[in-house]
Amino acid sequence: MDAATGSERALCIANIWKARHPDAHLTVEVEPTLANVHGVGVDIAWPSSKGLVGRIEV
């Protein structure tokens, strides 16, 4: 797994989940070394090396 793609993977999964479950409340949190998706039943995380920080609620 390429650690540099964690934030992109988190956003992709959140977009796919939201398209399939429009009423779902999702949160994508990106930290300097980790990208998380919350609200899909289990938390999903990937390593990230981009150094980004942010939170998106979908």
Protein backbone atom coordinates (compact mmCIF):
# COMPACT_ATOMS: atom_id res chain seq x y z
CA MET A 1 0.00 0.00 0.00
CA ASP A 2 1.29 3.43 -0.91
CA ALA A 3 1.21 5.58 2.25
CA ALA A 4 0.88 8.77 0.21
CA THR A 5 -2.65 7.88 -0.93
CA GLY A 6 -4.40 7.64 2.46
CA SER A 7 -6.30 10.92 2.18
CA GLU A 8 -7.44 10.15 -1.37
CA ARG A 9 -8.60 6.67 -0.36
CA ALA A 10 -10.55 8.06 2.59
CA LEU A 11 -12.31 10.61 0.38
CA CYS A 12 -13.04 7.98 -2.27
CA ILE A 13 -14.60 5.55 0.23
CA ALA A 14 -16.65 8.37 1.80
CA ASN A 15 -17.97 9.40 -1.64
CA ILE A 16 -18.89 5.84 -2.60
CA TRP A 17 -20.56 5.16 0.77
CA LYS A 18 -22.53 8.43 0.62
CA ALA A 19 -23.73 7.65 -2.91
CA ARG A 20 -24.99 4.24 -1.78
CA HIS A 21 -26.33 5.46 1.60
CA PRO A 22 -27.50 9.08 1.14
CA ASP A 23 -28.77 9.38 4.74
CA ALA A 24 -25.43 8.36 6.27
CA HIS A 25 -23.49 10.92 8.32
CA LEU A 26 -19.81 10.50 7.54
CA THR A 27 -16.69 12.23 8.77
CA VAL A 28 -13.32 12.18 7.04
CA GLU A 29 -10.48 13.22 9.34
CA VAL A 30 -6.98 13.70 7.99
CA GLU A 31 -3.98 14.03 10.27
CA PRO A 32 -0.36 14.40 9.18
CA THR A 33 0.21 10.62 9.21
CA LEU A 34 -3.30 9.11 9.14
CA ALA A 35 -6.59 9.46 7.23
CA ASN A 36 -9.81 8.17 8.86
CA VAL A 37 -13.39 7.61 7.73
CA HIS A 38 -15.99 7.49 10.51
CA GLY A 39 -19.65 6.56 10.14
CA VAL A 40 -19.53 3.55 7.83
CA GLY A 41 -20.15 1.02 10.60
CA VAL A 42 -16.48 0.66 11.50
CA ASP A 43 -13.75 3.26 11.42
CA ILE A 44 -11.46 2.87 8.43
CA ALA A 45 -7.94 4.31 8.44
CA TRP A 46 -4.99 4.51 6.08
CA PRO A 47 -1.50 5.83 6.64
CA SER A 48 -0.82 9.17 4.96
CA SER A 49 2.45 10.96 4.37
CA LYS A 50 1.19 14.23 2.89
CA GLY A 51 1.14 16.10 6.19
CA LEU A 52 -2.42 17.36 5.65
CA VAL A 53 -4.77 18.23 8.51
CA GLY A 54 -8.52 18.62 8.22
CA ARG A 55 -12.00 17.35 8.86
CA ILE A 56 -14.88 17.03 6.40
CA GLU A 57 -18.42 16.08 7.35
CA VAL A 58 -20.47 14.62 4.52
